C-alpha atoms as a PDB file:
ATOM      1  CA  UNK A   1      -4.937-150.215  61.235  1.00  0.00           C
ATOM      2  CA  UNK A   2      -5.042-146.511  62.101  1.00  0.00           C
ATOM      3  CA  UNK A   3      -5.432-147.358  65.805  1.00  0.00           C
ATOM      4  CA  UNK A   4      -2.386-149.656  65.733  1.00  0.00           C
ATOM      5  CA  UNK A   5      -0.313-146.973  63.968  1.00  0.00           C
ATOM      6  CA  UNK A   6      -1.476-144.413  66.540  1.00  0.00           C
ATOM      7  CA  UNK A   7      -0.354-146.708  69.367  1.00  0.00           C
ATOM      8  CA  UNK A   8       3.105-147.142  67.824  1.00  0.00           C
ATOM      9  CA  UNK A   9       3.401-143.385  67.318  1.00  0.00           C
ATOM     10  CA  UNK A  10       2.400-142.746  70.934  1.00  0.00           C
ATOM     11  CA  UNK A  11       4.990-145.231  72.220  1.00  0.00           C
ATOM     12  CA  UNK A  12       7.684-143.622  70.031  1.00  0.00           C
ATOM     13  CA  UNK A  13       6.829-140.179  71.375  1.00  0.00           C
ATOM     14  CA  UNK A  14       6.918-141.355  74.986  1.00  0.00           C
ATOM     15  CA  UNK A  15      10.322-142.971  74.421  1.00  0.00           C
ATOM     16  CA  UNK A  16      11.681-139.750  72.858  1.00  0.00           C
ATOM     17  CA  UNK A  17      10.312-137.658  75.758  1.00  0.00           C
ATOM     18  CA  UNK A  18      11.923-140.025  78.257  1.00  0.00           C
ATOM     19  CA  UNK A  19      15.291-139.761  76.484  1.00  0.00           C
ATOM     20  CA  UNK A  20      15.032-135.961  76.370  1.00  0.00           C
ATOM     21  CA  UNK A  21      14.244-135.801  80.090  1.00  0.00           C
ATOM     22  CA  UNK A  22      17.221-138.017  80.865  1.00  0.00           C
ATOM     23  CA  UNK A  23      19.522-135.830  78.787  1.00  0.00           C
ATOM     24  CA  UNK A  24      18.343-132.701  80.587  1.00  0.00           C
ATOM     25  CA  UNK A  25      18.923-134.338  83.989  1.00  0.00           C
ATOM     26  CA  UNK A  26      22.441-135.418  82.998  1.00  0.00           C
ATOM     27  CA  UNK A  27      23.395-131.916  81.865  1.00  0.00           C
ATOM     28  CA  UNK A  28      21.900-130.326  84.988  1.00  0.00           C
ATOM     29  CA  UNK A  29      23.738-132.623  87.387  1.00  0.00           C
ATOM     30  CA  UNK A  30      27.212-132.516  85.903  1.00  0.00           C
ATOM     31  CA  UNK A  31      28.885-130.678  88.768  1.00  0.00           C
ATOM     32  CA  UNK A  32      32.261-131.940  89.899  1.00  0.00           C
ATOM     33  CA  UNK A  33      34.314-132.051  93.086  1.00  0.00           C
ATOM     34  CA  UNK A  34      37.942-130.911  93.075  1.00  0.00           C
ATOM     35  CA  UNK A  35      40.512-131.433  95.824  1.00  0.00           C
ATOM     36  CA  UNK A  36      42.548-128.247  96.180  1.00  0.00           C
ATOM     37  CA  UNK A  37      46.199-128.973  95.431  1.00  0.00           C
ATOM     38  CA  UNK A  38      45.379-132.551  94.363  1.00  0.00           C
ATOM     39  CA  UNK A  39      47.416-134.967  96.542  1.00  0.00           C
ATOM     40  CA  UNK A  40      49.357-132.105  98.149  1.00  0.00           C
ATOM     41  CA  UNK A  41      46.212-130.782  99.823  1.00  0.00           C
ATOM     42  CA  UNK A  42      46.017-127.362 101.494  1.00  0.00           C
ATOM     43  CA  UNK A  43      49.415-126.705 103.081  1.00  0.00           C
ATOM     44  CA  UNK A  44      52.293-124.246 102.919  1.00  0.00           C
ATOM     45  CA  UNK A  45      53.868-124.862  99.500  1.00  0.00           C
ATOM     46  CA  UNK A  46      57.564-125.671  99.159  1.00  0.00           C
ATOM     47  CA  UNK A  47      59.901-122.712  99.520  1.00  0.00           C
ATOM     48  CA  UNK A  48      60.080-120.484  96.424  1.00  0.00           C
ATOM     49  CA  UNK A  49      56.819-121.945  95.046  1.00  0.00           C
ATOM     50  CA  UNK A  50      54.452-119.180  96.165  1.00  0.00           C
ATOM     51  CA  UNK A  51      52.215-119.577  93.092  1.00  0.00           C
ATOM     52  CA  UNK A  52      51.598-123.316  93.548  1.00  0.00           C
ATOM     53  CA  UNK A  53      47.860-122.977  94.267  1.00  0.00           C
ATOM     54  CA  UNK A  54      47.257-120.365  91.582  1.00  0.00           C
ATOM     55  CA  UNK A  55      48.940-122.650  89.045  1.00  0.00           C
ATOM     56  CA  UNK A  56      46.741-125.524  90.230  1.00  0.00           C
ATOM     57  CA  UNK A  57      43.542-123.431  89.969  1.00  0.00           C
ATOM     58  CA  UNK A  58      44.527-122.061  86.540  1.00  0.00           C
ATOM     59  CA  UNK A  59      44.762-125.592  85.165  1.00  0.00           C
ATOM     60  CA  UNK A  60      41.158-126.371  86.181  1.00  0.00           C
ATOM     61  CA  UNK A  61      37.847-125.394  84.584  1.00  0.00           C
ATOM     62  CA  UNK A  62      35.379-124.631  87.344  1.00  0.00           C
ATOM     63  CA  UNK A  63      31.636-124.261  86.754  1.00  0.00           C
ATOM     64  CA  UNK A  64      28.797-122.993  88.921  1.00  0.00           C
ATOM     65  CA  UNK A  65      27.757-125.845  91.199  1.00  0.00           C
ATOM     66  CA  UNK A  66      31.194-127.449  91.396  1.00  0.00           C
ATOM     67  CA  UNK A  67      32.621-128.138  94.842  1.00  0.00           C
ATOM     68  CA  UNK A  68      36.172-127.678  96.030  1.00  0.00           C
ATOM     69  CA  UNK A  69      37.563-129.628  98.994  1.00  0.00           C
ATOM     70  CA  UNK A  70      40.340-128.285 101.198  1.00  0.00           C
ATOM     71  CA  UNK A  71      42.133-131.090 103.085  1.00  0.00           C
ATOM     72  CA  UNK A  72      44.623-129.969 105.736  1.00  0.00           C
ATOM     73  CA  UNK A  73      46.003-130.563 109.233  1.00  0.00           C
ATOM     74  CA  UNK A  74      46.471-127.917 111.948  1.00  0.00           C
ATOM     75  CA  UNK A  75      45.516-125.084 109.600  1.00  0.00           C
ATOM     76  CA  UNK A  76      42.458-123.245 108.304  1.00  0.00           C
ATOM     77  CA  UNK A  77      40.970-121.852 105.126  1.00  0.00           C
ATOM     78  CA  UNK A  78      39.271-118.513 104.580  1.00  0.00           C
ATOM     79  CA  UNK A  79      37.415-117.019 101.673  1.00  0.00           C
ATOM     80  CA  UNK A  80      38.242-113.307 101.529  1.00  0.00           C
ATOM     81  CA  UNK A  81      37.933-110.259  99.249  1.00  0.00           C
ATOM     82  CA  UNK A  82      40.505-109.547  96.562  1.00  0.00           C
ATOM     83  CA  UNK A  83      41.944-106.713  98.695  1.00  0.00           C
ATOM     84  CA  UNK A  84      42.328-108.971 101.739  1.00  0.00           C
ATOM     85  CA  UNK A  85      43.862-111.653  99.506  1.00  0.00           C
ATOM     86  CA  UNK A  86      46.541-109.239  98.261  1.00  0.00           C
ATOM     87  CA  UNK A  87      47.381-108.146 101.833  1.00  0.00           C
ATOM     88  CA  UNK A  88      46.990-111.618 103.432  1.00  0.00           C
ATOM     89  CA  UNK A  89      44.458-109.967 105.751  1.00  0.00           C
ATOM     90  CA  UNK A  90      42.485-112.554 107.710  1.00  0.00           C
ATOM     91  CA  UNK A  91      40.439-110.207 109.930  1.00  0.00           C
ATOM     92  CA  UNK A  92      37.146-110.217 107.963  1.00  0.00           C
ATOM     93  CA  UNK A  93      36.702-113.489 106.044  1.00  0.00           C
ATOM     94  CA  UNK A  94      33.472-114.407 104.243  1.00  0.00           C
ATOM     95  CA  UNK A  95      34.152-117.990 105.300  1.00  0.00           C
ATOM     96  CA  UNK A  96      36.369-119.442 108.002  1.00  0.00           C
ATOM     97  CA  UNK A  97      36.871-123.153 108.569  1.00  0.00           C
ATOM     98  CA  UNK A  98      39.414-125.181 110.487  1.00  0.00           C
ATOM     99  CA  UNK A  99      37.740-128.601 110.282  1.00  0.00           C
ATOM    100  CA  UNK A 100      40.570-130.190 108.282  1.00  0.00           C
ATOM    101  CA  UNK A 101      38.151-131.132 105.496  1.00  0.00           C
ATOM    102  CA  UNK A 102      36.353-128.047 104.207  1.00  0.00           C
ATOM    103  CA  UNK A 103      33.872-128.271 101.339  1.00  0.00           C
ATOM    104  CA  UNK A 104      33.044-125.095  99.413  1.00  0.00           C
ATOM    105  CA  UNK A 105      30.394-124.892  96.664  1.00  0.00           C
ATOM    106  CA  UNK A 106      31.019-122.436  93.838  1.00  0.00           C
ATOM    107  CA  UNK A 107      27.711-120.592  93.577  1.00  0.00           C
ATOM    108  CA  UNK A 108      28.444-117.882  91.007  1.00  0.00           C
ATOM    109  CA  UNK A 109      30.779-117.141  88.132  1.00  0.00           C
ATOM    110  CA  UNK A 110      33.760-114.905  88.686  1.00  0.00           C
ATOM    111  CA  UNK A 111      36.656-114.936  91.106  1.00  0.00           C
ATOM    112  CA  UNK A 112      37.006-116.465  94.573  1.00  0.00           C
ATOM    113  CA  UNK A 113      39.939-115.661  96.873  1.00  0.00           C
ATOM    114  CA  UNK A 114      41.199-118.090  99.522  1.00  0.00           C
ATOM    115  CA  UNK A 115      43.943-117.756 102.121  1.00  0.00           C
ATOM    116  CA  UNK A 116      45.211-119.772 105.055  1.00  0.00           C
ATOM    117  CA  UNK A 117      44.293-118.326 108.434  1.00  0.00           C
ATOM    118  CA  UNK A 118      47.397-119.738 110.128  1.00  0.00           C
ATOM    119  CA  UNK A 119      49.983-117.082 110.971  1.00  0.00           C
ATOM    120  CA  UNK A 120      52.518-116.548 108.171  1.00  0.00           C
ATOM    121  CA  UNK A 121      51.106-119.226 105.845  1.00  0.00           C
ATOM    122  CA  UNK A 122      49.480-116.824 103.385  1.00  0.00           C
ATOM    123  CA  UNK A 123      52.677-114.820 103.047  1.00  0.00           C
ATOM    124  CA  UNK A 124      54.535-118.066 102.242  1.00  0.00           C
ATOM    125  CA  UNK A 125      52.164-118.886  99.357  1.00  0.00           C
ATOM    126  CA  UNK A 126      49.225-120.708 100.924  1.00  0.00           C
ATOM    127  CA  UNK A 127      46.629-118.699  99.051  1.00  0.00           C
ATOM    128  CA  UNK A 128      44.671-119.118  95.852  1.00  0.00           C
ATOM    129  CA  UNK A 129      42.622-117.220  93.292  1.00  0.00           C
ATOM    130  CA  UNK A 130      40.010-119.409  91.652  1.00  0.00           C
ATOM    131  CA  UNK A 131      37.924-118.443  88.604  1.00  0.00           C
ATOM    132  CA  UNK A 132      34.504-119.909  87.858  1.00  0.00           C
ATOM    133  CA  UNK A 133      33.629-119.767  84.178  1.00  0.00           C
ATOM    134  CA  UNK A 134      30.433-118.140  82.907  1.00  0.00           C
ATOM    135  CA  UNK A 135      28.112-120.882  81.727  1.00  0.00           C
ATOM    136  CA  UNK A 136      26.380-120.830  78.372  1.00  0.00           C
ATOM    137  CA  UNK A 137      22.625-120.772  78.737  1.00  0.00           C
ATOM    138  CA  UNK A 138      20.379-122.202  76.035  1.00  0.00           C
ATOM    139  CA  UNK A 139      16.968-120.502  76.016  1.00  0.00           C
ATOM    140  CA  UNK A 140      14.194-123.023  76.626  1.00  0.00           C
ATOM    141  CA  UNK A 141      12.401-122.138  73.391  1.00  0.00           C
ATOM    142  CA  UNK A 142      15.513-123.077  71.386  1.00  0.00           C
ATOM    143  CA  UNK A 143      16.641-126.039  73.464  1.00  0.00           C
ATOM    144  CA  UNK A 144      16.857-129.395  71.714  1.00  0.00           C
ATOM    145  CA  UNK A 145      14.037-131.779  72.631  1.00  0.00           C
ATOM    146  CA  UNK A 146      11.938-129.004  74.160  1.00  0.00           C
ATOM    147  CA  UNK A 147       8.382-129.988  75.001  1.00  0.00           C
ATOM    148  CA  UNK A 148       6.611-127.748  72.395  1.00  0.00           C
ATOM    149  CA  UNK A 149       8.456-129.633  69.647  1.00  0.00           C
ATOM    150  CA  UNK A 150       7.051-132.910  71.004  1.00  0.00           C
ATOM    151  CA  UNK A 151       3.551-131.450  71.020  1.00  0.00           C
ATOM    152  CA  UNK A 152       3.869-130.437  67.358  1.00  0.00           C
ATOM    153  CA  UNK A 153       5.363-133.816  66.458  1.00  0.00           C
ATOM    154  CA  UNK A 154       2.568-135.612  68.307  1.00  0.00           C
ATOM    155  CA  UNK A 155      -0.152-133.614  66.544  1.00  0.00           C
ATOM    156  CA  UNK A 156       1.471-134.178  63.142  1.00  0.00           C
ATOM    157  CA  UNK A 157       1.771-137.905  63.727  1.00  0.00           C
ATOM    158  CA  UNK A 158      -1.830-138.110  64.957  1.00  0.00           C
ATOM    159  CA  UNK A 159      -3.044-136.427  61.783  1.00  0.00           C
ATOM    160  CA  UNK A 160      -0.882-138.760  59.722  1.00  0.00           C
ATOM    161  CA  UNK A 161      -2.237-141.805  61.557  1.00  0.00           C
ATOM    162  CA  UNK A 162      -5.833-140.743  60.919  1.00  0.00           C
ATOM    163  CA  UNK A 163      -5.187-140.538  57.185  1.00  0.00           C
ATOM    164  CA  UNK A 164      -3.600-144.002  56.967  1.00  0.00           C
END
């Protein structure tokens, strides 16, 4: 009887560990891809709408690991410093791409600054400030379903099974 109870307990523990592992994988892989400007893409915004891209970015909630896609024709995208963003200065970009389909992974929290490298486009509003939110971190020792909790549960259930 005790051996059968022990087997059931062991199966229950393995199922719980499997569920916990799956939950941790789901939370770790929840990055998203965003297309800059939605269906508009990366282009000079309509006249008098120089904050189009900043409005778009403000409506989003970006996390570390998310990817943004710039889709454009006969243009370019540059990641620059905040000073170069303010001046539409394209002489020293951190990133330059003119592929028409640029993917950019957000690797840290804080602000990113993007401008068009095409002459006059930045001044006409083809630029964007994007903010990546700081992520909450749960310490491993306090995380739900952490492995030490399973060890304690397993030992308790083993002792219980031996007394049955």
